Amino acid sequence: MVGGPLGGVLFDATGWMPQEIATGATLMTELGQFDAGSRALYGLRPGGTHRWDWGGDVP
């Protein structure tokens, strides 16, 4: 994870299909803009790297 509340955290996507990885993920976090129970949006960095960039927080 790059940037945002989960920046630097390793995320295990073992077993995910390539299209699921390309879609990205909305992950629960206690550290987001909306406090406990908020979600952080992360998507695969363009170029097919193994890094997911932060896209913002949602309640």
PDB file of N, CA and C in Angstrom:
ATOM      1  N   MET A   1       0.844  -1.158   0.000  1.00  0.00           N
ATOM      2  CA  MET A   1       0.000   0.000   0.000  1.00  0.00           C
ATOM      3  C   MET A   1       0.901   1.236   0.000  1.00  0.00           C
ATOM      4  N   VAL A   2       0.544   2.196  -0.858  1.00  0.00           N
ATOM      5  CA  VAL A   2       1.331   3.414  -0.966  1.00  0.00           C
ATOM      6  C   VAL A   2       0.421   4.600  -0.660  1.00  0.00           C
ATOM      7  N   GLY A   3       0.777   5.361   0.373  1.00  0.00           N
ATOM      8  CA  GLY A   3       0.018   6.543   0.747  1.00  0.00           C
ATOM      9  C   GLY A   3      -1.217   6.199   1.561  1.00  0.00           C
ATOM     10  N   GLY A   4      -1.861   7.229   2.072  1.00  0.00           N
ATOM     11  CA  GLY A   4      -3.093   7.054   2.821  1.00  0.00           C
ATOM     12  C   GLY A   4      -2.893   6.388   4.166  1.00  0.00           C
ATOM     13  N   PRO A   5      -3.993   6.000   4.800  1.00  0.00           N
ATOM     14  CA  PRO A   5      -3.919   5.455   6.152  1.00  0.00           C
ATOM     15  C   PRO A   5      -3.234   4.095   6.242  1.00  0.00           C
ATOM     16  N   LEU A   6      -3.164   3.358   5.152  1.00  0.00           N
ATOM     17  CA  LEU A   6      -2.526   2.036   5.179  1.00  0.00           C
ATOM     18  C   LEU A   6      -1.178   2.034   4.465  1.00  0.00           C
ATOM     19  N   GLY A   7      -0.628   3.211   4.213  1.00  0.00           N
ATOM     20  CA  GLY A   7       0.660   3.327   3.538  1.00  0.00           C
ATOM     21  C   GLY A   7       1.727   2.513   4.250  1.00  0.00           C
ATOM     22  N   GLY A   8       2.457   1.695   3.517  1.00  0.00           N
ATOM     23  CA  GLY A   8       3.510   0.868   4.070  1.00  0.00           C
ATOM     24  C   GLY A   8       3.050  -0.496   4.540  1.00  0.00           C
ATOM     25  N   VAL A   9       1.745  -0.704   4.603  1.00  0.00           N
ATOM     26  CA  VAL A   9       1.204  -1.994   5.043  1.00  0.00           C
ATOM     27  C   VAL A   9       1.267  -2.987   3.883  1.00  0.00           C
ATOM     28  N   LEU A  10       1.677  -4.206   4.172  1.00  0.00           N
ATOM     29  CA  LEU A  10       1.670  -5.260   3.163  1.00  0.00           C
ATOM     30  C   LEU A  10       0.292  -5.895   3.134  1.00  0.00           C
ATOM     31  N   PHE A  11      -0.203  -6.166   1.935  1.00  0.00           N
ATOM     32  CA  PHE A  11      -1.528  -6.747   1.758  1.00  0.00           C
ATOM     33  C   PHE A  11      -1.381  -8.056   1.001  1.00  0.00           C
ATOM     34  N   ASP A  12      -1.941  -9.117   1.526  1.00  0.00           N
ATOM     35  CA  ASP A  12      -1.840 -10.433   0.905  1.00  0.00           C
ATOM     36  C   ASP A  12      -3.000 -10.652  -0.058  1.00  0.00           C
ATOM     37  N   ALA A  13      -2.698 -10.634  -1.347  1.00  0.00           N
ATOM     38  CA  ALA A  13      -3.712 -10.879  -2.368  1.00  0.00           C
ATOM     39  C   ALA A  13      -3.537 -12.267  -2.985  1.00  0.00           C
ATOM     40  N   THR A  14      -2.889 -13.165  -2.248  1.00  0.00           N
ATOM     41  CA  THR A  14      -2.704 -14.538  -2.707  1.00  0.00           C
ATOM     42  C   THR A  14      -4.071 -15.174  -2.958  1.00  0.00           C
ATOM     43  N   GLY A  15      -4.216 -15.789  -4.104  1.00  0.00           N
ATOM     44  CA  GLY A  15      -5.474 -16.442  -4.433  1.00  0.00           C
ATOM     45  C   GLY A  15      -6.445 -15.534  -5.180  1.00  0.00           C
ATOM     46  N   TRP A  16      -6.115 -14.248  -5.300  1.00  0.00           N
ATOM     47  CA  TRP A  16      -6.978 -13.333  -6.047  1.00  0.00           C
ATOM     48  C   TRP A  16      -6.759 -13.549  -7.537  1.00  0.00           C
ATOM     49  N   MET A  17      -7.806 -13.437  -8.313  1.00  0.00           N
ATOM     50  CA  MET A  17      -7.706 -13.511  -9.768  1.00  0.00           C
ATOM     51  C   MET A  17      -7.100 -12.202 -10.280  1.00  0.00           C
ATOM     52  N   PRO A  18      -6.408 -12.232 -11.428  1.00  0.00           N
ATOM     53  CA  PRO A  18      -5.797 -11.010 -11.953  1.00  0.00           C
ATOM     54  C   PRO A  18      -6.796  -9.855 -12.125  1.00  0.00           C
ATOM     55  N   GLN A  19      -8.020 -10.148 -12.525  1.00  0.00           N
ATOM     56  CA  GLN A  19      -9.003  -9.075 -12.699  1.00  0.00           C
ATOM     57  C   GLN A  19      -9.423  -8.478 -11.350  1.00  0.00           C
ATOM     58  N   GLU A  20      -9.408  -9.280 -10.283  1.00  0.00           N
ATOM     59  CA  GLU A  20      -9.712  -8.763  -8.947  1.00  0.00           C
ATOM     60  C   GLU A  20      -8.605  -7.830  -8.482  1.00  0.00           C
ATOM     61  N   ILE A  21      -7.366  -8.193  -8.742  1.00  0.00           N
ATOM     62  CA  ILE A  21      -6.236  -7.350  -8.372  1.00  0.00           C
ATOM     63  C   ILE A  21      -6.281  -6.045  -9.151  1.00  0.00           C
ATOM     64  N   ALA A  22      -6.604  -6.110 -10.445  1.00  0.00           N
ATOM     65  CA  ALA A  22      -6.663  -4.907 -11.277  1.00  0.00           C
ATOM     66  C   ALA A  22      -7.768  -3.964 -10.826  1.00  0.00           C
ATOM     67  N   THR A  23      -8.840  -4.505 -10.242  1.00  0.00           N
ATOM     68  CA  THR A  23      -9.966  -3.686  -9.784  1.00  0.00           C
ATOM     69  C   THR A  23      -9.621  -2.898  -8.535  1.00  0.00           C
ATOM     70  N   GLY A  24      -8.755  -3.439  -7.690  1.00  0.00           N
ATOM     71  CA  GLY A  24      -8.399  -2.777  -6.439  1.00  0.00           C
ATOM     72  C   GLY A  24      -9.271  -3.245  -5.295  1.00  0.00           C
ATOM     73  N   ALA A  25      -9.179  -2.534  -4.163  1.00  0.00           N
ATOM     74  CA  ALA A  25      -9.901  -2.975  -2.979  1.00  0.00           C
ATOM     75  C   ALA A  25     -10.310  -1.795  -2.110  1.00  0.00           C
ATOM     76  N   THR A  26     -11.394  -1.990  -1.392  1.00  0.00           N
ATOM     77  CA  THR A  26     -11.841  -1.055  -0.364  1.00  0.00           C
ATOM     78  C   THR A  26     -11.609  -1.765   0.967  1.00  0.00           C
ATOM     79  N   LEU A  27     -10.686  -1.241   1.760  1.00  0.00           N
ATOM     80  CA  LEU A  27     -10.248  -1.925   2.966  1.00  0.00           C
ATOM     81  C   LEU A  27     -10.646  -1.165   4.229  1.00  0.00           C
ATOM     82  N   MET A  28     -11.114  -1.907   5.227  1.00  0.00           N
ATOM     83  CA  MET A  28     -11.485  -1.307   6.510  1.00  0.00           C
ATOM     84  C   MET A  28     -10.235  -0.781   7.207  1.00  0.00           C
ATOM     85  N   THR A  29     -10.387   0.367   7.863  1.00  0.00           N
ATOM     86  CA  THR A  29      -9.280   0.927   8.626  1.00  0.00           C
ATOM     87  C   THR A  29      -9.803   1.762   9.785  1.00  0.00           C
ATOM     88  N   GLU A  30      -9.071   1.782  10.853  1.00  0.00           N
ATOM     89  CA  GLU A  30      -9.390   2.626  12.003  1.00  0.00           C
ATOM     90  C   GLU A  30      -8.677   3.965  11.872  1.00  0.00           C
ATOM     91  N   LEU A  31      -7.835   4.113  10.860  1.00  0.00           N
ATOM     92  CA  LEU A  31      -6.980   5.280  10.729  1.00  0.00           C
ATOM     93  C   LEU A  31      -7.435   6.260   9.659  1.00  0.00           C
ATOM     94  N   GLY A  32      -8.546   6.018   9.003  1.00  0.00           N
ATOM     95  CA  GLY A  32      -8.988   6.847   7.898  1.00  0.00           C
ATOM     96  C   GLY A  32      -9.576   8.178   8.319  1.00  0.00           C
ATOM     97  N   GLN A  33      -9.916   8.958   7.340  1.00  0.00           N
ATOM     98  CA  GLN A  33     -10.488  10.290   7.524  1.00  0.00           C
ATOM     99  C   GLN A  33     -11.767  10.260   8.356  1.00  0.00           C
ATOM    100  N   PHE A  34     -12.524   9.179   8.265  1.00  0.00           N
ATOM    101  CA  PHE A  34     -13.814   9.091   8.944  1.00  0.00           C
ATOM    102  C   PHE A  34     -13.743   8.258  10.224  1.00  0.00           C
ATOM    103  N   ASP A  35     -12.540   8.099  10.783  1.00  0.00           N
ATOM    104  CA  ASP A  35     -12.309   7.396  12.049  1.00  0.00           C
ATOM    105  C   ASP A  35     -12.672   5.915  11.973  1.00  0.00           C
ATOM    106  N   ALA A  36     -13.015   5.356  13.113  1.00  0.00           N
ATOM    107  CA  ALA A  36     -13.266   3.918  13.219  1.00  0.00           C
ATOM    108  C   ALA A  36     -14.364   3.466  12.257  1.00  0.00           C
ATOM    109  N   GLY A  37     -14.099   2.390  11.551  1.00  0.00           N
ATOM    110  CA  GLY A  37     -15.083   1.828  10.633  1.00  0.00           C
ATOM    111  C   GLY A  37     -15.056   2.435   9.242  1.00  0.00           C
ATOM    112  N   SER A  38     -14.130   3.357   8.987  1.00  0.00           N
ATOM    113  CA  SER A  38     -14.058   3.924   7.645  1.00  0.00           C
ATOM    114  C   SER A  38     -13.328   2.954   6.716  1.00  0.00           C
ATOM    115  N   ARG A  39     -13.340   3.275   5.449  1.00  0.00           N
ATOM    116  CA  ARG A  39     -12.701   2.422   4.455  1.00  0.00           C
ATOM    117  C   ARG A  39     -11.750   3.251   3.607  1.00  0.00           C
ATOM    118  N   ALA A  40     -10.652   2.639   3.210  1.00  0.00           N
ATOM    119  CA  ALA A  40      -9.664   3.279   2.352  1.00  0.00           C
ATOM    120  C   ALA A  40      -9.689   2.585   0.990  1.00  0.00           C
ATOM    121  N   LEU A  41      -9.692   3.372  -0.065  1.00  0.00           N
ATOM    122  CA  LEU A  41      -9.725   2.843  -1.426  1.00  0.00           C
ATOM    123  C   LEU A  41      -8.299   2.730  -1.964  1.00  0.00           C
ATOM    124  N   TYR A  42      -7.946   1.566  -2.461  1.00  0.00           N
ATOM    125  CA  TYR A  42      -6.625   1.348  -3.043  1.00  0.00           C
ATOM    126  C   TYR A  42      -6.780   0.671  -4.397  1.00  0.00           C
ATOM    127  N   GLY A  43      -5.954   1.096  -5.347  1.00  0.00           N
ATOM    128  CA  GLY A  43      -5.977   0.510  -6.675  1.00  0.00           C
ATOM    129  C   GLY A  43      -4.572   0.234  -7.171  1.00  0.00           C
ATOM    130  N   LEU A  44      -4.447  -0.733  -8.039  1.00  0.00           N
ATOM    131  CA  LEU A  44      -3.156  -1.132  -8.591  1.00  0.00           C
ATOM    132  C   LEU A  44      -2.523   0.037  -9.340  1.00  0.00           C
ATOM    133  N   ARG A  45      -1.265   0.273  -9.070  1.00  0.00           N
ATOM    134  CA  ARG A  45      -0.525   1.344  -9.744  1.00  0.00           C
ATOM    135  C   ARG A  45      -0.419   1.024 -11.236  1.00  0.00           C
ATOM    136  N   PRO A  46      -0.633   2.025 -12.106  1.00  0.00           N
ATOM    137  CA  PRO A  46      -0.502   1.788 -13.552  1.00  0.00           C
ATOM    138  C   PRO A  46       0.881   1.222 -13.889  1.00  0.00           C
ATOM    139  N   GLY A  47       0.916   0.333 -14.836  1.00  0.00           N
ATOM    140  CA  GLY A  47       2.163  -0.282 -15.247  1.00  0.00           C
ATOM    141  C   GLY A  47       2.334  -1.686 -14.716  1.00  0.00           C
ATOM    142  N   GLY A  48       1.335  -2.182 -13.986  1.00  0.00           N
ATOM    143  CA  GLY A  48       1.364  -3.563 -13.528  1.00  0.00           C
ATOM    144  C   GLY A  48       2.338  -3.851 -12.407  1.00  0.00           C
ATOM    145  N   THR A  49       2.700  -2.835 -11.641  1.00  0.00           N
ATOM    146  CA  THR A  49       3.596  -3.080 -10.511  1.00  0.00           C
ATOM    147  C   THR A  49       2.828  -3.798  -9.413  1.00  0.00           C
ATOM    148  N   HIS A  50       3.491  -4.126  -8.348  1.00  0.00           N
ATOM    149  CA  HIS A  50       2.843  -4.788  -7.221  1.00  0.00           C
ATOM    150  C   HIS A  50       2.507  -3.782  -6.126  1.00  0.00           C
ATOM    151  N   ARG A  51       2.378  -2.523  -6.489  1.00  0.00           N
ATOM    152  CA  ARG A  51       2.057  -1.475  -5.518  1.00  0.00           C
ATOM    153  C   ARG A  51       0.643  -0.975  -5.765  1.00  0.00           C
ATOM    154  N   TRP A  52      -0.075  -0.771  -4.677  1.00  0.00           N
ATOM    155  CA  TRP A  52      -1.429  -0.233  -4.763  1.00  0.00           C
ATOM    156  C   TRP A  52      -1.411   1.177  -4.195  1.00  0.00           C
ATOM    157  N   ASP A  53      -1.924   2.131  -4.953  1.00  0.00           N
ATOM    158  CA  ASP A  53      -1.961   3.532  -4.542  1.00  0.00           C
ATOM    159  C   ASP A  53      -3.284   3.868  -3.882  1.00  0.00           C
ATOM    160  N   TRP A  54      -3.197   4.745  -2.893  1.00  0.00           N
ATOM    161  CA  TRP A  54      -4.364   5.209  -2.157  1.00  0.00           C
ATOM    162  C   TRP A  54      -5.198   6.122  -3.059  1.00  0.00           C
ATOM    163  N   GLY A  55      -6.525   5.921  -3.044  1.00  0.00           N
ATOM    164  CA  GLY A  55      -7.422   6.730  -3.854  1.00  0.00           C
ATOM    165  C   GLY A  55      -8.368   7.605  -3.030  1.00  0.00           C
ATOM    166  N   GLY A  56      -8.323   7.498  -1.712  1.00  0.00           N
ATOM    167  CA  GLY A  56      -9.186   8.292  -0.847  1.00  0.00           C
ATOM    168  C   GLY A  56      -9.877   7.435   0.204  1.00  0.00           C
ATOM    169  N   ASP A  57     -10.614   8.093   1.068  1.00  0.00           N
ATOM    170  CA  ASP A  57     -11.348   7.409   2.137  1.00  0.00           C
ATOM    171  C   ASP A  57     -12.854   7.582   1.923  1.00  0.00           C
ATOM    172  N   VAL A  58     -13.601   6.612   2.373  1.00  0.00           N
ATOM    173  CA  VAL A  58     -15.069   6.686   2.343  1.00  0.00           C
ATOM    174  C   VAL A  58     -15.597   6.278   3.709  1.00  0.00           C
ATOM    175  N   PRO A  59     -16.759   6.827   4.115  1.00  0.00           N
ATOM    176  CA  PRO A  59     -17.300   6.468   5.432  1.00  0.00           C
ATOM    177  C   PRO A  59     -17.735   5.016   5.511  1.00  0.00           C
TER     178      PRO A  59
END
